[in-house]
């Protein structure tokens, strides 16, 4: 009897846990000016109301449709929609047991008239922005350990894969260069940058096509063009030095020490 009751209790607990997480929100993003132009590859970020920590996010597809699954029933959420060249759209919603699958219909975004007039709310930076020729990831949206390096951060980014030999691909395309604030880091060696730079100094990770590779070989198809990753540093880091130092000891007076250091020297 005890085993039966324990089994029933466990089953109910699993059922309740699943039921709480089976909410979803769907919708379509469109231009408010003509109500026809859909907004593809726009970011829909989801936060709990009163919380600045990102719960989840999705990109709209090539028809402007988005669907966010795995949301908790009975929780109020704040949706923040960000599209390139459009103003930010915000909406609060709540999923209920009676309506766990919420369809918002079409959400209309207005073209951004003036960047200076846009209200920026701290903690609402979209995790991903897709511009005309650039994918930009907000590093703070992808949590890493305090000791993490850039490689750990890159592994958390959607579409980014790192092979055992350290080579990197973004959406199936090989990465040819890693830049730091638009400049090659330590002679352009990718692994020196990815395995030594601390992840917590990175503000944004930008991905663009390697246009020089296309000029060298005009026959390259869009799927074959290599990618360049540019690591944008936080403003505070740009004003000082950053790097990695290490040391160690062993048997018979054997010691090892080393490090990498980058010092930003202001131009006169």
C-alpha atoms as a PDB file:
ATOM      1  CA  UNK A   1       0.000   0.000   0.000  1.00  0.00           C
ATOM      2  CA  UNK A   2       2.829   2.389   0.917  1.00  0.00           C
ATOM      3  CA  UNK A   3       4.535   1.706  -2.406  1.00  0.00           C
ATOM      4  CA  UNK A   4       1.259   2.320  -4.259  1.00  0.00           C
ATOM      5  CA  UNK A   5       0.662   5.630  -2.449  1.00  0.00           C
ATOM      6  CA  UNK A   6       4.262   6.691  -3.101  1.00  0.00           C
ATOM      7  CA  UNK A   7       3.882   5.843  -6.792  1.00  0.00           C
ATOM      8  CA  UNK A   8       0.620   7.833  -7.035  1.00  0.00           C
ATOM      9  CA  UNK A   9       2.169  10.822  -5.234  1.00  0.00           C
ATOM     10  CA  UNK A  10       5.205  10.742  -7.510  1.00  0.00           C
ATOM     11  CA  UNK A  11       2.995  10.511 -10.606  1.00  0.00           C
ATOM     12  CA  UNK A  12       0.903  13.477  -9.458  1.00  0.00           C
ATOM     13  CA  UNK A  13       4.027  15.519  -8.708  1.00  0.00           C
ATOM     14  CA  UNK A  14       5.421  14.833 -12.174  1.00  0.00           C
ATOM     15  CA  UNK A  15       2.050  15.640 -13.739  1.00  0.00           C
ATOM     16  CA  UNK A  16       1.777  18.926 -11.824  1.00  0.00           C
ATOM     17  CA  UNK A  17       5.315  19.900 -12.771  1.00  0.00           C
ATOM     18  CA  UNK A  18       4.608  19.219 -16.439  1.00  0.00           C
ATOM     19  CA  UNK A  19       1.266  21.010 -16.278  1.00  0.00           C
ATOM     20  CA  UNK A  20       2.915  24.114 -14.835  1.00  0.00           C
ATOM     21  CA  UNK A  21       5.463  24.260 -17.640  1.00  0.00           C
ATOM     22  CA  UNK A  22       3.252  23.487 -20.637  1.00  0.00           C
ATOM     23  CA  UNK A  23       2.139  27.047 -21.379  1.00  0.00           C
ATOM     24  CA  UNK A  24       2.898  28.707 -24.696  1.00  0.00           C
ATOM     25  CA  UNK A  25       2.606  32.077 -26.423  1.00  0.00           C
ATOM     26  CA  UNK A  26       2.321  32.529 -30.178  1.00  0.00           C
ATOM     27  CA  UNK A  27       1.958  35.536 -32.421  1.00  0.00           C
ATOM     28  CA  UNK A  28       2.938  37.288 -35.634  1.00  0.00           C
ATOM     29  CA  UNK A  29       5.095  40.425 -35.899  1.00  0.00           C
ATOM     30  CA  UNK A  30       4.208  43.000 -38.549  1.00  0.00           C
ATOM     31  CA  UNK A  31       4.809  46.596 -39.629  1.00  0.00           C
ATOM     32  CA  UNK A  32       2.216  48.978 -38.181  1.00  0.00           C
ATOM     33  CA  UNK A  33       2.400  51.274 -41.210  1.00  0.00           C
ATOM     34  CA  UNK A  34       0.949  48.874 -43.766  1.00  0.00           C
ATOM     35  CA  UNK A  35      -0.169  45.880 -41.597  1.00  0.00           C
ATOM     36  CA  UNK A  36       1.257  43.603 -44.303  1.00  0.00           C
ATOM     37  CA  UNK A  37       5.040  43.528 -43.988  1.00  0.00           C
ATOM     38  CA  UNK A  38       5.982  40.810 -41.521  1.00  0.00           C
ATOM     39  CA  UNK A  39       9.099  41.154 -39.382  1.00  0.00           C
ATOM     40  CA  UNK A  40      11.323  38.113 -39.710  1.00  0.00           C
ATOM     41  CA  UNK A  41      14.209  37.200 -37.387  1.00  0.00           C
ATOM     42  CA  UNK A  42      13.080  39.615 -34.695  1.00  0.00           C
ATOM     43  CA  UNK A  43      13.705  38.859 -31.024  1.00  0.00           C
ATOM     44  CA  UNK A  44      10.899  38.141 -28.564  1.00  0.00           C
ATOM     45  CA  UNK A  45      12.360  38.219 -25.035  1.00  0.00           C
ATOM     46  CA  UNK A  46      10.333  36.920 -22.094  1.00  0.00           C
ATOM     47  CA  UNK A  47      10.735  38.145 -18.497  1.00  0.00           C
ATOM     48  CA  UNK A  48       8.668  37.520 -15.393  1.00  0.00           C
ATOM     49  CA  UNK A  49       6.891  40.735 -14.392  1.00  0.00           C
ATOM     50  CA  UNK A  50       8.968  42.518 -11.776  1.00  0.00           C
ATOM     51  CA  UNK A  51      12.100  40.588 -12.724  1.00  0.00           C
ATOM     52  CA  UNK A  52      14.929  41.724 -14.995  1.00  0.00           C
ATOM     53  CA  UNK A  53      16.324  38.205 -15.507  1.00  0.00           C
ATOM     54  CA  UNK A  54      15.617  36.781 -18.950  1.00  0.00           C
ATOM     55  CA  UNK A  55      13.347  33.704 -18.774  1.00  0.00           C
ATOM     56  CA  UNK A  56      13.604  32.688 -22.425  1.00  0.00           C
ATOM     57  CA  UNK A  57      13.518  34.115 -25.937  1.00  0.00           C
ATOM     58  CA  UNK A  58      12.717  33.201 -29.524  1.00  0.00           C
ATOM     59  CA  UNK A  59      13.332  34.640 -32.974  1.00  0.00           C
ATOM     60  CA  UNK A  60      10.418  35.058 -35.350  1.00  0.00           C
ATOM     61  CA  UNK A  61      10.661  32.941 -38.494  1.00  0.00           C
ATOM     62  CA  UNK A  62      10.820  34.114 -42.112  1.00  0.00           C
ATOM     63  CA  UNK A  63       7.073  34.867 -41.985  1.00  0.00           C
ATOM     64  CA  UNK A  64       7.192  36.839 -38.741  1.00  0.00           C
ATOM     65  CA  UNK A  65       5.689  33.995 -36.672  1.00  0.00           C
ATOM     66  CA  UNK A  66       6.998  33.195 -33.200  1.00  0.00           C
ATOM     67  CA  UNK A  67       6.095  30.505 -30.665  1.00  0.00           C
ATOM     68  CA  UNK A  68       7.458  30.263 -27.141  1.00  0.00           C
ATOM     69  CA  UNK A  69       6.928  26.972 -25.301  1.00  0.00           C
ATOM     70  CA  UNK A  70       7.683  25.752 -21.787  1.00  0.00           C
ATOM     71  CA  UNK A  71       6.146  28.694 -19.925  1.00  0.00           C
ATOM     72  CA  UNK A  72       4.688  28.393 -16.433  1.00  0.00           C
ATOM     73  CA  UNK A  73       0.940  28.572 -15.895  1.00  0.00           C
ATOM     74  CA  UNK A  74      -0.238  31.295 -13.524  1.00  0.00           C
ATOM     75  CA  UNK A  75       2.828  33.509 -13.967  1.00  0.00           C
ATOM     76  CA  UNK A  76       2.674  37.037 -15.363  1.00  0.00           C
ATOM     77  CA  UNK A  77       5.197  37.584 -18.141  1.00  0.00           C
ATOM     78  CA  UNK A  78       6.512  40.678 -19.873  1.00  0.00           C
ATOM     79  CA  UNK A  79       7.227  40.326 -23.585  1.00  0.00           C
ATOM     80  CA  UNK A  80       9.818  42.645 -25.114  1.00  0.00           C
ATOM     81  CA  UNK A  81       9.917  42.563 -28.915  1.00  0.00           C
ATOM     82  CA  UNK A  82      12.986  43.989 -30.645  1.00  0.00           C
ATOM     83  CA  UNK A  83      13.352  44.309 -34.410  1.00  0.00           C
ATOM     84  CA  UNK A  84      16.065  46.059 -36.387  1.00  0.00           C
ATOM     85  CA  UNK A  85      15.017  49.597 -37.386  1.00  0.00           C
ATOM     86  CA  UNK A  86      11.791  49.325 -35.333  1.00  0.00           C
ATOM     87  CA  UNK A  87      10.817  50.659 -31.933  1.00  0.00           C
ATOM     88  CA  UNK A  88      10.647  48.290 -28.966  1.00  0.00           C
ATOM     89  CA  UNK A  89       7.243  46.690 -28.289  1.00  0.00           C
ATOM     90  CA  UNK A  90       6.267  45.606 -24.757  1.00  0.00           C
ATOM     91  CA  UNK A  91       3.268  43.623 -23.549  1.00  0.00           C
ATOM     92  CA  UNK A  92       2.316  41.914 -20.275  1.00  0.00           C
ATOM     93  CA  UNK A  93       0.470  38.594 -20.422  1.00  0.00           C
ATOM     94  CA  UNK A  94      -0.586  35.809 -18.069  1.00  0.00           C
ATOM     95  CA  UNK A  95      -1.141  32.163 -18.887  1.00  0.00           C
ATOM     96  CA  UNK A  96      -4.004  30.459 -17.061  1.00  0.00           C
ATOM     97  CA  UNK A  97      -5.129  26.872 -16.645  1.00  0.00           C
ATOM     98  CA  UNK A  98      -8.181  27.733 -18.753  1.00  0.00           C
ATOM     99  CA  UNK A  99      -6.011  29.249 -21.515  1.00  0.00           C
ATOM    100  CA  UNK A 100      -2.477  27.810 -21.333  1.00  0.00           C
ATOM    101  CA  UNK A 101      -1.837  28.350 -25.059  1.00  0.00           C
ATOM    102  CA  UNK A 102      -2.135  32.094 -25.621  1.00  0.00           C
ATOM    103  CA  UNK A 103      -2.369  33.362 -29.199  1.00  0.00           C
ATOM    104  CA  UNK A 104      -1.638  37.090 -29.339  1.00  0.00           C
ATOM    105  CA  UNK A 105      -2.558  37.402 -33.001  1.00  0.00           C
ATOM    106  CA  UNK A 106      -0.610  40.072 -34.879  1.00  0.00           C
ATOM    107  CA  UNK A 107       1.597  42.510 -32.966  1.00  0.00           C
ATOM    108  CA  UNK A 108       2.351  45.709 -34.869  1.00  0.00           C
ATOM    109  CA  UNK A 109       5.693  47.476 -34.484  1.00  0.00           C
ATOM    110  CA  UNK A 110       6.363  51.041 -35.617  1.00  0.00           C
ATOM    111  CA  UNK A 111       9.397  52.096 -37.609  1.00  0.00           C
ATOM    112  CA  UNK A 112      11.938  53.788 -35.359  1.00  0.00           C
ATOM    113  CA  UNK A 113      11.800  57.492 -36.110  1.00  0.00           C
ATOM    114  CA  UNK A 114      14.658  58.715 -33.923  1.00  0.00           C
ATOM    115  CA  UNK A 115      17.048  56.631 -31.819  1.00  0.00           C
ATOM    116  CA  UNK A 116      17.447  59.547 -29.384  1.00  0.00           C
ATOM    117  CA  UNK A 117      13.774  59.391 -28.435  1.00  0.00           C
ATOM    118  CA  UNK A 118      13.742  55.679 -27.666  1.00  0.00           C
ATOM    119  CA  UNK A 119      13.290  54.726 -24.007  1.00  0.00           C
ATOM    120  CA  UNK A 120      15.923  52.221 -22.932  1.00  0.00           C
ATOM    121  CA  UNK A 121      15.064  50.144 -19.861  1.00  0.00           C
ATOM    122  CA  UNK A 122      17.990  48.630 -17.973  1.00  0.00           C
ATOM    123  CA  UNK A 123      17.932  44.834 -18.035  1.00  0.00           C
ATOM    124  CA  UNK A 124      15.875  44.611 -21.233  1.00  0.00           C
ATOM    125  CA  UNK A 125      18.662  44.332 -23.776  1.00  0.00           C
ATOM    126  CA  UNK A 126      17.575  41.645 -26.260  1.00  0.00           C
ATOM    127  CA  UNK A 127      19.736  38.506 -26.178  1.00  0.00           C
ATOM    128  CA  UNK A 128      19.992  38.480 -29.990  1.00  0.00           C
ATOM    129  CA  UNK A 129      19.642  41.204 -32.612  1.00  0.00           C
ATOM    130  CA  UNK A 130      19.661  40.270 -36.300  1.00  0.00           C
ATOM    131  CA  UNK A 131      20.621  43.216 -38.478  1.00  0.00           C
ATOM    132  CA  UNK A 132      20.994  43.285 -42.243  1.00  0.00           C
ATOM    133  CA  UNK A 133      24.443  41.688 -42.256  1.00  0.00           C
ATOM    134  CA  UNK A 134      25.188  41.085 -38.571  1.00  0.00           C
ATOM    135  CA  UNK A 135      24.039  38.751 -35.802  1.00  0.00           C
ATOM    136  CA  UNK A 136      24.699  40.324 -32.404  1.00  0.00           C
ATOM    137  CA  UNK A 137      24.506  38.439 -29.109  1.00  0.00           C
ATOM    138  CA  UNK A 138      24.238  40.243 -25.766  1.00  0.00           C
ATOM    139  CA  UNK A 139      26.794  38.385 -23.651  1.00  0.00           C
ATOM    140  CA  UNK A 140      25.030  39.081 -20.339  1.00  0.00           C
ATOM    141  CA  UNK A 141      21.973  37.121 -21.506  1.00  0.00           C
ATOM    142  CA  UNK A 142      24.022  33.907 -21.606  1.00  0.00           C
ATOM    143  CA  UNK A 143      25.166  33.161 -18.070  1.00  0.00           C
ATOM    144  CA  UNK A 144      28.600  31.640 -17.465  1.00  0.00           C
ATOM    145  CA  UNK A 145      30.662  30.832 -14.381  1.00  0.00           C
ATOM    146  CA  UNK A 146      32.919  33.589 -12.982  1.00  0.00           C
ATOM    147  CA  UNK A 147      35.976  31.624 -14.163  1.00  0.00           C
ATOM    148  CA  UNK A 148      34.615  31.097 -17.700  1.00  0.00           C
ATOM    149  CA  UNK A 149      36.574  32.061 -20.801  1.00  0.00           C
ATOM    150  CA  UNK A 150      35.267  33.156 -24.195  1.00  0.00           C
ATOM    151  CA  UNK A 151      35.049  29.550 -25.413  1.00  0.00           C
ATOM    152  CA  UNK A 152      32.551  28.778 -22.620  1.00  0.00           C
ATOM    153  CA  UNK A 153      30.463  31.790 -23.647  1.00  0.00           C
ATOM    154  CA  UNK A 154      30.488  30.847 -27.338  1.00  0.00           C
ATOM    155  CA  UNK A 155      29.258  27.326 -26.528  1.00  0.00           C
ATOM    156  CA  UNK A 156      26.099  28.837 -25.031  1.00  0.00           C
ATOM    157  CA  UNK A 157      25.225  30.895 -28.109  1.00  0.00           C
ATOM    158  CA  UNK A 158      22.566  29.389 -30.404  1.00  0.00           C
ATOM    159  CA  UNK A 159      23.977  28.195 -33.709  1.00  0.00           C
ATOM    160  CA  UNK A 160      27.592  28.197 -32.494  1.00  0.00           C
ATOM    161  CA  UNK A 161      29.502  24.899 -32.319  1.00  0.00           C
ATOM    162  CA  UNK A 162      33.115  24.279 -31.272  1.00  0.00           C
ATOM    163  CA  UNK A 163      34.896  21.114 -32.415  1.00  0.00           C
ATOM    164  CA  UNK A 164      37.444  19.150 -30.398  1.00  0.00           C
ATOM    165  CA  UNK A 165      40.289  20.818 -32.316  1.00  0.00           C
ATOM    166  CA  UNK A 166      38.982  24.278 -31.342  1.00  0.00           C
ATOM    167  CA  UNK A 167      37.579  25.174 -34.768  1.00  0.00           C
ATOM    168  CA  UNK A 168      34.321  27.133 -34.647  1.00  0.00           C
ATOM    169  CA  UNK A 169      31.226  27.154 -36.819  1.00  0.00           C
ATOM    170  CA  UNK A 170      28.230  29.492 -36.765  1.00  0.00           C
ATOM    171  CA  UNK A 171      25.060  28.079 -38.322  1.00  0.00           C
ATOM    172  CA  UNK A 172      27.185  25.543 -40.186  1.00  0.00           C
ATOM    173  CA  UNK A 173      29.665  28.104 -41.555  1.00  0.00           C
ATOM    174  CA  UNK A 174      33.334  28.032 -40.554  1.00  0.00           C
ATOM    175  CA  UNK A 175      34.732  30.952 -38.563  1.00  0.00           C
ATOM    176  CA  UNK A 176      37.828  32.358 -40.249  1.00  0.00           C
ATOM    177  CA  UNK A 177      38.768  35.082 -37.742  1.00  0.00           C
ATOM    178  CA  UNK A 178      38.101  36.221 -34.194  1.00  0.00           C
ATOM    179  CA  UNK A 179      38.539  39.935 -33.604  1.00  0.00           C
ATOM    180  CA  UNK A 180      38.552  41.909 -30.370  1.00  0.00           C
ATOM    181  CA  UNK A 181      36.954  45.331 -30.861  1.00  0.00           C
ATOM    182  CA  UNK A 182      37.557  44.979 -34.590  1.00  0.00           C
ATOM    183  CA  UNK A 183      41.256  44.101 -34.284  1.00  0.00           C
ATOM    184  CA  UNK A 184      43.102  40.790 -34.487  1.00  0.00           C
ATOM    185  CA  UNK A 185      44.082  39.459 -31.071  1.00  0.00           C
ATOM    186  CA  UNK A 186      47.624  38.103 -30.608  1.00  0.00           C
ATOM    187  CA  UNK A 187      48.262  37.609 -34.322  1.00  0.00           C
ATOM    188  CA  UNK A 188      44.804  36.237 -35.096  1.00  0.00           C
ATOM    189  CA  UNK A 189      45.186  32.881 -33.316  1.00  0.00           C
ATOM    190  CA  UNK A 190      41.565  31.943 -32.553  1.00  0.00           C
ATOM    191  CA  UNK A 191      42.305  29.642 -29.643  1.00  0.00           C
ATOM    192  CA  UNK A 192      44.469  32.187 -27.832  1.00  0.00           C
ATOM    193  CA  UNK A 193      41.422  34.450 -27.750  1.00  0.00           C
ATOM    194  CA  UNK A 194      38.787  31.811 -26.976  1.00  0.00           C
ATOM    195  CA  UNK A 195      40.752  29.922 -24.318  1.00  0.00           C
ATOM    196  CA  UNK A 196      42.320  32.861 -22.492  1.00  0.00           C
ATOM    197  CA  UNK A 197      40.050  35.910 -22.591  1.00  0.00           C
ATOM    198  CA  UNK A 198      37.634  35.998 -19.618  1.00  0.00           C
ATOM    199  CA  UNK A 199      33.996  35.771 -20.646  1.00  0.00           C
ATOM    200  CA  UNK A 200      32.973  38.458 -18.145  1.00  0.00           C
ATOM    201  CA  UNK A 201      34.782  41.230 -20.056  1.00  0.00           C
ATOM    202  CA  UNK A 202      32.676  40.658 -23.191  1.00  0.00           C
ATOM    203  CA  UNK A 203      29.731  42.971 -23.854  1.00  0.00           C
ATOM    204  CA  UNK A 204      28.608  41.704 -27.278  1.00  0.00           C
ATOM    205  CA  UNK A 205      29.500  38.912 -29.691  1.00  0.00           C
ATOM    206  CA  UNK A 206      29.005  39.982 -33.301  1.00  0.00           C
ATOM    207  CA  UNK A 207      28.991  37.614 -36.292  1.00  0.00           C
ATOM    208  CA  UNK A 208      29.447  38.896 -39.863  1.00  0.00           C
ATOM    209  CA  UNK A 209      30.396  37.456 -43.250  1.00  0.00           C
ATOM    210  CA  UNK A 210      34.094  37.415 -44.153  1.00  0.00           C
ATOM    211  CA  UNK A 211      33.858  39.801 -47.098  1.00  0.00           C
ATOM    212  CA  UNK A 212      37.549  39.447 -47.942  1.00  0.00           C
ATOM    213  CA  UNK A 213      37.053  35.709 -48.463  1.00  0.00           C
ATOM    214  CA  UNK A 214      34.242  36.472 -50.908  1.00  0.00           C
ATOM    215  CA  UNK A 215      36.470  38.901 -52.814  1.00  0.00           C
ATOM    216  CA  UNK A 216      39.258  36.326 -52.962  1.00  0.00           C
ATOM    217  CA  UNK A 217      36.864  33.689 -54.300  1.00  0.00           C
ATOM    218  CA  UNK A 218      33.789  35.218 -55.989  1.00  0.00           C
ATOM    219  CA  UNK A 219      32.425  31.718 -56.687  1.00  0.00           C
ATOM    220  CA  UNK A 220      31.692  31.101 -53.013  1.00  0.00           C
ATOM    221  CA  UNK A 221      27.997  30.514 -52.367  1.00  0.00           C
ATOM    222  CA  UNK A 222      26.208  32.176 -49.437  1.00  0.00           C
ATOM    223  CA  UNK A 223      26.452  28.926 -47.469  1.00  0.00           C
ATOM    224  CA  UNK A 224      30.215  28.728 -48.038  1.00  0.00           C
ATOM    225  CA  UNK A 225      31.210  32.248 -46.974  1.00  0.00           C
ATOM    226  CA  UNK A 226      33.260  32.042 -43.746  1.00  0.00           C
ATOM    227  CA  UNK A 227      32.216  34.022 -40.699  1.00  0.00           C
ATOM    228  CA  UNK A 228      34.090  36.543 -38.560  1.00  0.00           C
ATOM    229  CA  UNK A 229      33.397  36.819 -34.829  1.00  0.00           C
ATOM    230  CA  UNK A 230      34.020  40.230 -33.284  1.00  0.00           C
ATOM    231  CA  UNK A 231      34.156  40.394 -29.486  1.00  0.00           C
ATOM    232  CA  UNK A 232      33.033  43.816 -28.257  1.00  0.00           C
ATOM    233  CA  UNK A 233      34.511  44.580 -24.853  1.00  0.00           C
ATOM    234  CA  UNK A 234      32.684  46.304 -22.026  1.00  0.00           C
ATOM    235  CA  UNK A 235      33.377  50.034 -21.870  1.00  0.00           C
ATOM    236  CA  UNK A 236      35.128  49.805 -18.500  1.00  0.00           C
ATOM    237  CA  UNK A 237      37.538  47.182 -19.861  1.00  0.00           C
ATOM    238  CA  UNK A 238      38.538  49.355 -22.822  1.00  0.00           C
ATOM    239  CA  UNK A 239      40.026  51.913 -20.439  1.00  0.00           C
ATOM    240  CA  UNK A 240      42.447  49.517 -18.755  1.00  0.00           C
ATOM    241  CA  UNK A 241      44.244  46.217 -18.986  1.00  0.00           C
ATOM    242  CA  UNK A 242      42.939  42.678 -19.151  1.00  0.00           C
ATOM    243  CA  UNK A 243      44.456  39.254 -19.455  1.00  0.00           C
ATOM    244  CA  UNK A 244      45.115  35.923 -17.778  1.00  0.00           C
ATOM    245  CA  UNK A 245      47.945  34.909 -15.461  1.00  0.00           C
ATOM    246  CA  UNK A 246      48.745  31.416 -14.207  1.00  0.00           C
ATOM    247  CA  UNK A 247      51.359  29.681 -12.081  1.00  0.00           C
ATOM    248  CA  UNK A 248      51.994  26.226 -10.685  1.00  0.00           C
ATOM    249  CA  UNK A 249      54.518  24.045  -8.904  1.00  0.00           C
ATOM    250  CA  UNK A 250      55.461  20.394  -8.884  1.00  0.00           C
ATOM    251  CA  UNK A 251      58.014  17.845  -7.735  1.00  0.00           C
ATOM    252  CA  UNK A 252      61.799  18.387  -7.776  1.00  0.00           C
ATOM    253  CA  UNK A 253      61.657  22.177  -7.871  1.00  0.00           C
ATOM    254  CA  UNK A 254      59.673  22.243 -11.125  1.00  0.00           C
ATOM    255  CA  UNK A 255      57.621  25.385 -11.592  1.00  0.00           C
ATOM    256  CA  UNK A 256      55.537  26.891 -14.376  1.00  0.00           C
ATOM    257  CA  UNK A 257      54.226  30.378 -14.889  1.00  0.00           C
ATOM    258  CA  UNK A 258      52.864  32.422 -17.741  1.00  0.00           C
ATOM    259  CA  UNK A 259      50.171  34.745 -18.880  1.00  0.00           C
ATOM    260  CA  UNK A 260      48.635  37.009 -21.474  1.00  0.00           C
ATOM    261  CA  UNK A 261      48.089  40.688 -20.986  1.00  0.00           C
ATOM    262  CA  UNK A 262      46.504  43.346 -23.148  1.00  0.00           C
ATOM    263  CA  UNK A 263      47.053  46.998 -22.269  1.00  0.00           C
ATOM    264  CA  UNK A 264      45.024  49.721 -23.939  1.00  0.00           C
ATOM    265  CA  UNK A 265      47.384  52.644 -24.589  1.00  0.00           C
ATOM    266  CA  UNK A 266      45.589  55.933 -25.394  1.00  0.00           C
ATOM    267  CA  UNK A 267      46.659  57.777 -28.551  1.00  0.00           C
ATOM    268  CA  UNK A 268      48.180  61.207 -28.122  1.00  0.00           C
END
